[in-house]
Amino acid sequence: MNVRRSGRRGGGRVGRAAAALLAGLLILPAACGVAPTGVVDAGPAPVISGTPTLVTIYLLRDGRLWPTRVAARSPHVNDVLDALFAASGRTSNQLSTSLTGLTLAQVQLVRYAPDAGSRNDPDNILSLRVRLFVSGWKITRTAMAQITCTARLQPEIWAVEIAHATPDKNGPLKVHTCREFWDLAPKDGHLPP
């Protein structure tokens, strides 16, 4: 006597699972007790920045360039020059700057080819030239000395080009090395080439 059952065992399991799923879906929206809201724009995403690095910049003491340690985001030449221009608002300890009223508008790094016959390919990258576009009042000789000698402290920078930028146009780039400002060296001190 074989009694055949009509699939109740399998159907019961599926039915119970479907009922539990349906009950869960009905309870889910009320489960957390928080009504959904729209997206709220709260500004840019947070950025994690590393610990500042101490770098050397040139400020002025008694009309001469004076090496000074300040905090910068990194030792990269762009961040060092940002720190130099930022220092114009917080000089102390008998230090001053000729950069007050000037703004660093743009910094470009380009390969430095010392002569026209030099190859300009990746195998010949020995050094870099930094181009700065500075806006604001007239760029004085001491301001150029501060910018040039601070940039030349970076071993990869061999020449500095500075242009005075105005809203209408950029002035011509003029090449500088720190050697032309050696007369502004601190007493009993020296400046980079």
N, C-alpha and C. Protein backbone atom coordinates (compact mmCIF):
# COMPACT_ATOMS: atom_id res chain seq x y z
N MET A 1 0.80 -1.14 0.00
CA MET A 1 0.00 0.00 0.00
C MET A 1 0.87 1.25 0.00
N ASN A 2 1.01 1.77 -1.14
CA ASN A 2 1.79 3.01 -1.31
C ASN A 2 0.85 4.21 -1.31
N VAL A 3 1.12 5.12 -0.44
CA VAL A 3 0.31 6.34 -0.41
C VAL A 3 1.18 7.47 -0.96
N ARG A 4 0.64 8.05 -1.92
CA ARG A 4 1.39 9.14 -2.54
C ARG A 4 0.87 10.47 -2.02
N ARG A 5 1.80 11.29 -1.56
CA ARG A 5 1.41 12.61 -1.05
C ARG A 5 1.53 13.62 -2.18
N SER A 6 0.76 14.57 -2.16
CA SER A 6 0.69 15.51 -3.26
C SER A 6 1.55 16.75 -3.04
N GLY A 7 2.81 16.63 -2.90
CA GLY A 7 3.77 17.74 -2.87
C GLY A 7 3.54 18.77 -1.80
N ARG A 8 2.82 18.47 -0.76
CA ARG A 8 2.59 19.46 0.29
C ARG A 8 3.86 19.83 1.02
N ARG A 9 4.75 18.86 1.10
CA ARG A 9 5.96 19.14 1.89
C ARG A 9 6.78 20.25 1.24
N GLY A 10 7.07 20.15 -0.06
CA GLY A 10 7.84 21.19 -0.74
C GLY A 10 7.06 22.48 -0.87
N GLY A 11 5.79 22.42 -1.19
CA GLY A 11 4.97 23.61 -1.37
C GLY A 11 4.80 24.37 -0.08
N GLY A 12 4.78 23.65 1.06
CA GLY A 12 4.63 24.29 2.34
C GLY A 12 5.84 25.15 2.69
N ARG A 13 7.00 24.64 2.35
CA ARG A 13 8.23 25.40 2.63
C ARG A 13 8.28 26.69 1.82
N VAL A 14 7.97 26.60 0.55
CA VAL A 14 7.97 27.78 -0.31
C VAL A 14 6.91 28.77 0.14
N GLY A 15 5.79 28.26 0.54
CA GLY A 15 4.70 29.14 0.98
C GLY A 15 5.08 29.88 2.26
N ARG A 16 5.71 29.14 3.19
CA ARG A 16 6.11 29.79 4.43
C ARG A 16 7.20 30.84 4.17
N ALA A 17 8.15 30.54 3.27
CA ALA A 17 9.21 31.49 2.93
C ALA A 17 8.64 32.73 2.28
N ALA A 18 7.68 32.55 1.38
CA ALA A 18 7.06 33.70 0.71
C ALA A 18 6.30 34.56 1.70
N ALA A 19 5.62 33.91 2.64
CA ALA A 19 4.86 34.66 3.66
C ALA A 19 5.81 35.45 4.55
N ALA A 20 6.94 34.84 4.93
CA ALA A 20 7.92 35.54 5.77
C ALA A 20 8.53 36.73 5.03
N LEU A 21 8.84 36.54 3.74
CA LEU A 21 9.40 37.62 2.93
C LEU A 21 8.42 38.76 2.80
N LEU A 22 7.16 38.44 2.55
CA LEU A 22 6.13 39.47 2.41
C LEU A 22 5.96 40.23 3.73
N ALA A 23 5.95 39.53 4.84
CA ALA A 23 5.81 40.18 6.14
C ALA A 23 7.00 41.09 6.42
N GLY A 24 8.21 40.63 6.05
CA GLY A 24 9.41 41.44 6.25
C GLY A 24 9.38 42.71 5.42
N LEU A 25 8.91 42.62 4.18
CA LEU A 25 8.82 43.80 3.32
C LEU A 25 7.80 44.80 3.84
N LEU A 26 6.73 44.30 4.43
CA LEU A 26 5.71 45.20 4.96
C LEU A 26 6.19 45.90 6.23
N ILE A 27 7.02 45.23 7.01
CA ILE A 27 7.49 45.79 8.28
C ILE A 27 8.72 46.67 8.07
N LEU A 28 9.51 46.42 7.03
CA LEU A 28 10.80 47.11 6.81
C LEU A 28 10.71 48.63 6.86
N PRO A 29 9.81 49.29 6.13
CA PRO A 29 9.80 50.76 6.17
C PRO A 29 9.55 51.33 7.57
N ALA A 30 8.81 50.64 8.38
CA ALA A 30 8.50 51.14 9.71
C ALA A 30 9.54 50.72 10.74
N ALA A 31 10.47 49.85 10.36
CA ALA A 31 11.38 49.27 11.33
C ALA A 31 12.39 50.27 11.89
N CYS A 32 12.92 51.17 11.08
CA CYS A 32 13.97 52.04 11.60
C CYS A 32 13.42 53.30 12.24
N GLY A 33 12.19 53.68 11.93
CA GLY A 33 11.60 54.84 12.56
C GLY A 33 12.09 56.16 12.01
N VAL A 34 12.88 56.17 10.92
CA VAL A 34 13.38 57.41 10.33
C VAL A 34 12.76 57.56 8.95
N ALA A 35 12.16 58.68 8.73
CA ALA A 35 11.55 58.94 7.43
C ALA A 35 12.64 59.29 6.41
N PRO A 36 12.55 58.76 5.19
CA PRO A 36 13.56 59.07 4.18
C PRO A 36 13.50 60.54 3.78
N THR A 37 14.68 61.11 3.46
CA THR A 37 14.76 62.51 3.03
C THR A 37 15.49 62.57 1.70
N GLY A 38 15.46 63.72 1.07
CA GLY A 38 16.18 63.94 -0.17
C GLY A 38 17.66 64.16 0.09
N VAL A 39 18.44 64.27 -0.96
CA VAL A 39 19.88 64.50 -0.86
C VAL A 39 20.11 65.96 -0.50
N VAL A 40 20.97 66.18 0.48
CA VAL A 40 21.32 67.53 0.92
C VAL A 40 22.77 67.78 0.56
N ASP A 41 23.04 68.83 -0.23
CA ASP A 41 24.41 69.18 -0.60
C ASP A 41 25.04 69.97 0.55
N ALA A 42 26.11 69.42 1.10
CA ALA A 42 26.76 70.07 2.23
C ALA A 42 28.15 70.59 1.87
N GLY A 43 28.43 70.80 0.60
CA GLY A 43 29.73 71.32 0.19
C GLY A 43 30.65 70.24 -0.31
N PRO A 44 31.92 70.60 -0.54
CA PRO A 44 32.87 69.63 -1.09
C PRO A 44 33.20 68.53 -0.08
N ALA A 45 33.63 67.42 -0.61
CA ALA A 45 34.02 66.30 0.24
C ALA A 45 35.24 66.67 1.06
N PRO A 46 35.36 66.13 2.26
CA PRO A 46 36.55 66.45 3.07
C PRO A 46 37.81 65.89 2.44
N VAL A 47 38.90 66.61 2.63
CA VAL A 47 40.19 66.20 2.08
C VAL A 47 41.15 65.97 3.24
N ILE A 48 41.82 64.85 3.20
CA ILE A 48 42.80 64.55 4.24
C ILE A 48 44.14 65.08 3.77
N SER A 49 44.76 65.91 4.57
CA SER A 49 46.08 66.42 4.21
C SER A 49 47.10 65.90 5.21
N GLY A 50 48.29 65.71 4.74
CA GLY A 50 49.35 65.18 5.58
C GLY A 50 49.91 66.22 6.52
N THR A 51 50.85 65.82 7.28
CA THR A 51 51.51 66.71 8.21
C THR A 51 52.35 67.72 7.43
N PRO A 52 52.28 69.00 7.78
CA PRO A 52 53.09 69.99 7.07
C PRO A 52 54.58 69.68 7.20
N THR A 53 55.32 70.13 6.21
CA THR A 53 56.77 69.95 6.16
C THR A 53 57.43 71.29 6.43
N LEU A 54 58.54 71.29 7.13
CA LEU A 54 59.30 72.53 7.31
C LEU A 54 60.20 72.74 6.10
N VAL A 55 60.11 73.92 5.51
CA VAL A 55 60.92 74.27 4.33
C VAL A 55 61.61 75.60 4.60
N THR A 56 62.61 75.89 3.82
CA THR A 56 63.33 77.17 3.94
C THR A 56 62.86 78.11 2.85
N ILE A 57 62.56 79.33 3.25
CA ILE A 57 62.23 80.41 2.32
C ILE A 57 63.10 81.60 2.68
N TYR A 58 63.16 82.59 1.79
CA TYR A 58 63.92 83.79 2.08
C TYR A 58 62.98 84.95 2.38
N LEU A 59 63.10 85.47 3.61
CA LEU A 59 62.45 86.72 3.99
C LEU A 59 63.55 87.77 4.06
N LEU A 60 63.24 88.96 4.55
CA LEU A 60 64.21 90.05 4.61
C LEU A 60 64.51 90.43 6.05
N ARG A 61 65.78 90.68 6.32
CA ARG A 61 66.21 91.23 7.61
C ARG A 61 67.23 92.30 7.29
N ASP A 62 66.93 93.52 7.70
CA ASP A 62 67.81 94.67 7.43
C ASP A 62 68.12 94.79 5.94
N GLY A 63 67.13 94.54 5.09
CA GLY A 63 67.30 94.70 3.65
C GLY A 63 68.03 93.56 2.96
N ARG A 64 68.39 92.51 3.69
CA ARG A 64 69.11 91.37 3.12
C ARG A 64 68.24 90.12 3.21
N LEU A 65 68.49 89.19 2.28
CA LEU A 65 67.75 87.93 2.31
C LEU A 65 68.14 87.13 3.54
N TRP A 66 67.15 86.56 4.20
CA TRP A 66 67.39 85.81 5.42
C TRP A 66 66.67 84.47 5.35
N PRO A 67 67.40 83.36 5.42
CA PRO A 67 66.74 82.04 5.36
C PRO A 67 65.89 81.82 6.61
N THR A 68 64.65 81.39 6.37
CA THR A 68 63.69 81.21 7.45
C THR A 68 62.94 79.90 7.24
N ARG A 69 62.77 79.13 8.30
CA ARG A 69 62.03 77.86 8.23
C ARG A 69 60.55 78.13 8.51
N VAL A 70 59.70 77.65 7.60
CA VAL A 70 58.25 77.78 7.75
C VAL A 70 57.59 76.46 7.37
N ALA A 71 56.33 76.32 7.72
CA ALA A 71 55.57 75.12 7.37
C ALA A 71 55.01 75.26 5.96
N ALA A 72 55.06 74.16 5.20
CA ALA A 72 54.47 74.10 3.86
C ALA A 72 53.77 72.76 3.73
N ARG A 73 52.86 72.65 2.76
CA ARG A 73 52.14 71.39 2.56
C ARG A 73 53.08 70.25 2.19
N SER A 74 54.13 70.58 1.41
CA SER A 74 55.11 69.56 0.99
C SER A 74 56.38 70.29 0.56
N PRO A 75 57.46 69.56 0.31
CA PRO A 75 58.68 70.21 -0.16
C PRO A 75 58.68 70.50 -1.66
N HIS A 76 57.58 70.22 -2.37
CA HIS A 76 57.48 70.52 -3.80
C HIS A 76 57.57 72.03 -4.01
N VAL A 77 58.21 72.44 -5.10
CA VAL A 77 58.46 73.86 -5.34
C VAL A 77 57.17 74.69 -5.33
N ASN A 78 56.06 74.16 -5.83
CA ASN A 78 54.80 74.91 -5.81
C ASN A 78 54.38 75.23 -4.38
N ASP A 79 54.47 74.23 -3.49
CA ASP A 79 54.07 74.44 -2.11
C ASP A 79 55.05 75.35 -1.37
N VAL A 80 56.34 75.26 -1.70
CA VAL A 80 57.33 76.14 -1.08
C VAL A 80 57.05 77.60 -1.48
N LEU A 81 56.75 77.83 -2.76
CA LEU A 81 56.45 79.19 -3.20
C LEU A 81 55.14 79.69 -2.61
N ASP A 82 54.15 78.81 -2.45
CA ASP A 82 52.91 79.20 -1.77
C ASP A 82 53.22 79.65 -0.34
N ALA A 83 54.09 78.91 0.34
CA ALA A 83 54.46 79.27 1.72
C ALA A 83 55.20 80.62 1.75
N LEU A 84 56.02 80.88 0.74
CA LEU A 84 56.73 82.16 0.66
C LEU A 84 55.74 83.32 0.56
N PHE A 85 54.77 83.20 -0.35
CA PHE A 85 53.80 84.28 -0.53
C PHE A 85 52.87 84.39 0.68
N ALA A 86 52.54 83.28 1.32
CA ALA A 86 51.69 83.31 2.51
C ALA A 86 52.40 83.96 3.69
N ALA A 87 53.71 83.88 3.73
CA ALA A 87 54.48 84.46 4.84
C ALA A 87 54.42 85.97 4.84
N SER A 88 54.01 86.58 3.73
CA SER A 88 53.97 88.05 3.69
C SER A 88 52.96 88.62 4.68
N GLY A 89 51.97 87.83 5.08
CA GLY A 89 50.98 88.32 6.02
C GLY A 89 51.32 88.04 7.47
N ARG A 90 52.41 87.34 7.74
CA ARG A 90 52.70 86.99 9.13
C ARG A 90 54.19 87.05 9.47
N THR A 91 54.86 88.10 9.06
CA THR A 91 56.28 88.23 9.37
C THR A 91 56.45 88.73 10.80
N SER A 92 57.56 88.35 11.41
CA SER A 92 57.86 88.78 12.78
C SER A 92 59.36 88.61 13.01
N ASN A 93 59.78 88.74 14.25
CA ASN A 93 61.20 88.58 14.61
C ASN A 93 62.12 89.42 13.73
N GLN A 94 61.76 90.68 13.54
CA GLN A 94 62.56 91.61 12.74
C GLN A 94 62.65 91.19 11.27
N LEU A 95 61.75 90.32 10.83
CA LEU A 95 61.74 89.90 9.42
C LEU A 95 60.63 90.63 8.69
N SER A 96 60.87 90.88 7.41
CA SER A 96 59.86 91.53 6.58
C SER A 96 59.88 90.86 5.21
N THR A 97 59.09 91.39 4.30
CA THR A 97 59.03 90.84 2.95
C THR A 97 58.71 91.95 1.96
N SER A 98 59.13 91.75 0.74
CA SER A 98 58.79 92.67 -0.35
C SER A 98 57.63 92.12 -1.17
N LEU A 99 57.02 91.04 -0.71
CA LEU A 99 55.95 90.40 -1.47
C LEU A 99 54.56 90.87 -1.07
N THR A 100 54.47 91.78 -0.10
CA THR A 100 53.17 92.31 0.31
C THR A 100 52.51 92.99 -0.89
N GLY A 101 51.26 92.67 -1.12
CA GLY A 101 50.53 93.23 -2.25
C GLY A 101 50.70 92.44 -3.54
N LEU A 102 51.52 91.40 -3.52
CA LEU A 102 51.72 90.55 -4.70
C LEU A 102 51.03 89.21 -4.48
N THR A 103 50.54 88.62 -5.56
CA THR A 103 49.87 87.33 -5.50
C THR A 103 50.51 86.39 -6.50
N LEU A 104 50.74 85.18 -6.08
CA LEU A 104 51.27 84.16 -6.98
C LEU A 104 50.10 83.64 -7.81
N ALA A 105 50.04 84.04 -9.08
CA ALA A 105 48.92 83.68 -9.94
C ALA A 105 49.06 82.28 -10.52
N GLN A 106 50.27 81.90 -10.92
CA GLN A 106 50.46 80.60 -11.56
C GLN A 106 51.93 80.19 -11.48
N VAL A 107 52.16 78.88 -11.34
CA VAL A 107 53.50 78.31 -11.34
C VAL A 107 53.53 77.20 -12.38
N GLN A 108 54.54 77.22 -13.24
CA GLN A 108 54.72 76.17 -14.25
C GLN A 108 56.14 75.62 -14.12
N LEU A 109 56.26 74.31 -14.24
CA LEU A 109 57.57 73.67 -14.28
C LEU A 109 57.80 73.18 -15.70
N VAL A 110 58.94 73.55 -16.27
CA VAL A 110 59.29 73.11 -17.63
C VAL A 110 60.73 72.61 -17.61
N ARG A 111 61.03 71.78 -18.59
CA ARG A 111 62.41 71.28 -18.70
C ARG A 111 63.34 72.44 -18.98
N TYR A 112 64.52 72.36 -18.42
CA TYR A 112 65.52 73.40 -18.61
C TYR A 112 66.57 72.90 -19.58
N ALA A 113 66.66 73.55 -20.73
CA ALA A 113 67.69 73.24 -21.71
C ALA A 113 68.66 74.42 -21.71
N PRO A 114 69.88 74.26 -21.22
CA PRO A 114 70.79 75.39 -21.07
C PRO A 114 71.23 76.02 -22.38
N ASP A 115 71.17 75.31 -23.48
CA ASP A 115 71.53 75.93 -24.76
C ASP A 115 70.63 75.38 -25.87
N ALA A 116 70.63 76.09 -26.99
CA ALA A 116 69.73 75.75 -28.08
C ALA A 116 70.03 74.38 -28.68
N GLY A 117 71.26 73.87 -28.57
CA GLY A 117 71.62 72.59 -29.15
C GLY A 117 71.29 71.40 -28.27
N SER A 118 70.74 71.63 -27.08
CA SER A 118 70.42 70.53 -26.17
C SER A 118 69.19 69.78 -26.66
N ARG A 119 69.23 68.48 -26.48
CA ARG A 119 68.07 67.67 -26.83
C ARG A 119 66.99 67.89 -25.79
N ASN A 120 65.74 67.85 -26.22
CA ASN A 120 64.61 68.03 -25.33
C ASN A 120 63.80 66.74 -25.32
N ASP A 121 64.37 65.68 -24.75
CA ASP A 121 63.67 64.41 -24.67
C ASP A 121 63.82 63.86 -23.26
N PRO A 122 63.03 62.83 -22.90
CA PRO A 122 63.07 62.32 -21.52
C PRO A 122 64.44 61.83 -21.08
N ASP A 123 65.33 61.44 -22.00
CA ASP A 123 66.65 60.98 -21.61
C ASP A 123 67.56 62.13 -21.18
N ASN A 124 67.15 63.37 -21.47
CA ASN A 124 68.01 64.52 -21.21
C ASN A 124 67.43 65.44 -20.12
N ILE A 125 66.56 64.92 -19.26
CA ILE A 125 66.00 65.75 -18.20
C ILE A 125 67.00 65.82 -17.06
N LEU A 126 67.69 66.92 -16.97
CA LEU A 126 68.66 67.11 -15.89
C LEU A 126 68.12 68.05 -14.84
N SER A 127 67.34 69.02 -15.27
CA SER A 127 66.86 70.02 -14.34
C SER A 127 65.61 70.68 -14.88
N LEU A 128 65.02 71.51 -14.05
CA LEU A 128 63.77 72.18 -14.40
C LEU A 128 63.93 73.69 -14.30
N ARG A 129 63.07 74.36 -15.01
CA ARG A 129 62.94 75.82 -14.95
C ARG A 129 61.54 76.07 -14.38
N VAL A 130 61.43 76.99 -13.45
CA VAL A 130 60.12 77.32 -12.91
C VAL A 130 59.71 78.68 -13.47
N ARG A 131 58.47 78.73 -13.95
CA ARG A 131 57.90 79.98 -14.48
C ARG A 131 56.83 80.45 -13.51
N LEU A 132 56.95 81.70 -13.08
CA LEU A 132 55.98 82.26 -12.14
C LEU A 132 55.31 83.47 -12.77
N PHE A 133 54.01 83.51 -12.62
CA PHE A 133 53.24 84.66 -13.04
C PHE A 133 52.70 85.29 -11.77
N VAL A 134 53.16 86.53 -11.51
CA VAL A 134 52.87 87.23 -10.27
C VAL A 134 52.01 88.44 -10.59
N SER A 135 50.90 88.57 -9.86
CA SER A 135 50.04 89.74 -10.09
C SER A 135 50.12 90.65 -8.87
N GLY A 136 49.75 91.90 -9.08
CA GLY A 136 49.78 92.89 -8.01
C GLY A 136 50.60 94.09 -8.41
N TRP A 137 51.09 94.79 -7.39
CA TRP A 137 51.89 95.97 -7.65
C TRP A 137 53.19 95.61 -8.33
N LYS A 138 54.02 96.59 -8.51
CA LYS A 138 55.31 96.39 -9.16
C LYS A 138 56.15 95.37 -8.38
N ILE A 139 56.83 94.51 -9.12
CA ILE A 139 57.70 93.52 -8.50
C ILE A 139 59.07 94.16 -8.33
N THR A 140 59.45 94.40 -7.08
CA THR A 140 60.72 95.06 -6.80
C THR A 140 61.88 94.07 -6.95
N ARG A 141 63.08 94.60 -6.93
CA ARG A 141 64.27 93.74 -7.03
C ARG A 141 64.36 92.79 -5.83
N THR A 142 64.03 93.28 -4.63
CA THR A 142 64.10 92.40 -3.46
C THR A 142 63.00 91.33 -3.52
N ALA A 143 61.84 91.65 -4.09
CA ALA A 143 60.80 90.64 -4.26
C ALA A 143 61.27 89.57 -5.24
N MET A 144 61.90 89.98 -6.35
CA MET A 144 62.45 89.00 -7.30
C MET A 144 63.52 88.15 -6.64
N ALA A 145 64.32 88.77 -5.77
CA ALA A 145 65.37 88.02 -5.07
C ALA A 145 64.76 86.98 -4.13
N GLN A 146 63.73 87.36 -3.39
CA GLN A 146 63.06 86.41 -2.50
C GLN A 146 62.51 85.22 -3.28
N ILE A 147 61.83 85.49 -4.38
CA ILE A 147 61.21 84.44 -5.19
C ILE A 147 62.29 83.55 -5.80
N THR A 148 63.26 84.18 -6.46
CA THR A 148 64.30 83.44 -7.18
C THR A 148 65.13 82.58 -6.25
N CYS A 149 65.64 83.15 -5.18
CA CYS A 149 66.52 82.40 -4.29
C CYS A 149 65.77 81.32 -3.52
N THR A 150 64.50 81.56 -3.19
CA THR A 150 63.70 80.50 -2.55
C THR A 150 63.50 79.34 -3.51
N ALA A 151 63.16 79.63 -4.76
CA ALA A 151 62.98 78.55 -5.76
C ALA A 151 64.28 77.81 -6.01
N ARG A 152 65.41 78.52 -6.02
CA ARG A 152 66.71 77.90 -6.31
C ARG A 152 67.20 77.02 -5.16
N LEU A 153 66.58 77.10 -4.00
CA LEU A 153 66.94 76.18 -2.92
C LEU A 153 66.55 74.74 -3.27
N GLN A 154 65.60 74.59 -4.20
CA GLN A 154 65.21 73.25 -4.65
C GLN A 154 66.26 72.76 -5.63
N PRO A 155 66.88 71.60 -5.40
CA PRO A 155 68.01 71.16 -6.23
C PRO A 155 67.65 70.94 -7.70
N GLU A 156 66.37 70.67 -7.99
CA GLU A 156 66.00 70.42 -9.38
C GLU A 156 65.74 71.69 -10.18
N ILE A 157 65.67 72.84 -9.53
CA ILE A 157 65.39 74.11 -10.20
C ILE A 157 66.69 74.81 -10.54
N TRP A 158 66.90 75.05 -11.85
CA TRP A 158 68.12 75.70 -12.31
C TRP A 158 67.92 77.13 -12.77
N ALA A 159 66.71 77.49 -13.08
CA ALA A 159 66.45 78.87 -13.51
C ALA A 159 65.02 79.23 -13.12
N VAL A 160 64.81 80.52 -12.91
CA VAL A 160 63.51 81.03 -12.52
C VAL A 160 63.10 82.10 -13.51
N GLU A 161 61.91 81.98 -14.05
CA GLU A 161 61.37 83.00 -14.96
C GLU A 161 60.19 83.65 -14.26
N ILE A 162 60.21 84.97 -14.19
CA ILE A 162 59.15 85.71 -13.50
C ILE A 162 58.51 86.66 -14.50
N ALA A 163 57.16 86.65 -14.52
CA ALA A 163 56.40 87.58 -15.35
C ALA A 163 55.38 88.29 -14.48
N HIS A 164 55.16 89.57 -14.76
CA HIS A 164 54.15 90.33 -14.06
C HIS A 164 52.83 90.14 -14.79
N ALA A 165 51.85 89.54 -14.14
CA ALA A 165 50.55 89.26 -14.74
C ALA A 165 49.57 90.36 -14.37
N THR A 166 48.83 90.85 -15.37
CA THR A 166 47.76 91.82 -15.15
C THR A 166 46.47 91.18 -15.66
N PRO A 167 45.31 91.76 -15.33
CA PRO A 167 44.07 91.16 -15.83
C PRO A 167 44.00 91.07 -17.35
N ASP A 168 44.66 92.00 -18.06
CA ASP A 168 44.60 92.02 -19.52
C ASP A 168 45.60 91.09 -20.17
N LYS A 169 46.81 91.00 -19.61
CA LYS A 169 47.87 90.22 -20.28
C LYS A 169 48.97 89.87 -19.28
N ASN A 170 49.82 88.97 -19.71
CA ASN A 170 51.01 88.63 -18.93
C ASN A 170 52.20 89.38 -19.52
N GLY A 171 53.00 89.94 -18.65
CA GLY A 171 54.22 90.59 -19.11
C GLY A 171 55.22 89.55 -19.59
N PRO A 172 56.34 90.00 -20.13
CA PRO A 172 57.35 89.05 -20.63
C PRO A 172 58.01 88.30 -19.48
N LEU A 173 58.35 87.05 -19.74
CA LEU A 173 59.09 86.25 -18.76
C LEU A 173 60.55 86.69 -18.79
N LYS A 174 61.10 86.95 -17.62
CA LYS A 174 62.51 87.32 -17.51
C LYS A 174 63.21 86.27 -16.66
N VAL A 175 64.34 85.75 -17.17
CA VAL A 175 65.08 84.69 -16.49
C VAL A 175 65.96 85.28 -15.40
N HIS A 176 65.93 84.63 -14.24
CA HIS A 176 66.74 85.07 -13.11
C HIS A 176 67.43 83.86 -12.47
N THR A 177 68.61 84.10 -11.96
CA THR A 177 69.28 83.14 -11.09
C THR A 177 69.61 83.89 -9.81
N CYS A 178 69.87 83.17 -8.78
CA CYS A 178 70.13 83.81 -7.49
C CYS A 178 71.45 84.57 -7.50
N ARG A 179 72.35 84.21 -8.42
CA ARG A 179 73.66 84.86 -8.49
C ARG A 179 73.55 86.38 -8.66
N GLU A 180 72.53 86.85 -9.37
CA GLU A 180 72.38 88.29 -9.58
C GLU A 180 71.97 89.03 -8.31
N PHE A 181 71.62 88.28 -7.27
CA PHE A 181 71.20 88.90 -6.00
C PHE A 181 72.18 88.60 -4.86
N TRP A 182 73.37 88.16 -5.18
CA TRP A 182 74.34 87.83 -4.15
C TRP A 182 74.69 89.02 -3.26
N ASP A 183 74.50 90.24 -3.77
CA ASP A 183 74.76 91.41 -2.94
C ASP A 183 73.74 91.53 -1.80
N LEU A 184 72.65 90.75 -1.87
CA LEU A 184 71.63 90.77 -0.82
C LEU A 184 71.79 89.60 0.16
N ALA A 185 72.90 88.89 0.04
CA ALA A 185 73.15 87.74 0.94
C ALA A 185 73.29 88.23 2.38
N PRO A 186 72.90 87.40 3.34
CA PRO A 186 73.08 87.80 4.74
C PRO A 186 74.58 87.97 5.05
N LYS A 187 74.87 88.86 5.96
CA LYS A 187 76.28 89.03 6.35
C LYS A 187 76.81 87.70 6.86
N ASP A 188 78.00 87.36 6.43
CA ASP A 188 78.61 86.09 6.79
C ASP A 188 77.78 84.90 6.32
N GLY A 189 77.03 85.07 5.23
CA GLY A 189 76.22 83.99 4.68
C GLY A 189 76.35 83.94 3.18
N HIS A 190 75.72 82.98 2.57
CA HIS A 190 75.75 82.89 1.12
C HIS A 190 74.39 82.47 0.59
N LEU A 191 74.19 82.63 -0.72
CA LEU A 191 72.94 82.29 -1.37
C LEU A 191 73.19 81.21 -2.41
N PRO A 192 72.14 80.54 -2.87
CA PRO A 192 72.32 79.54 -3.94
C PRO A 192 72.80 80.22 -5.22
N PRO A 193 73.31 79.44 -6.18
CA PRO A 193 73.76 80.04 -7.45
C PRO A 193 72.63 80.61 -8.28
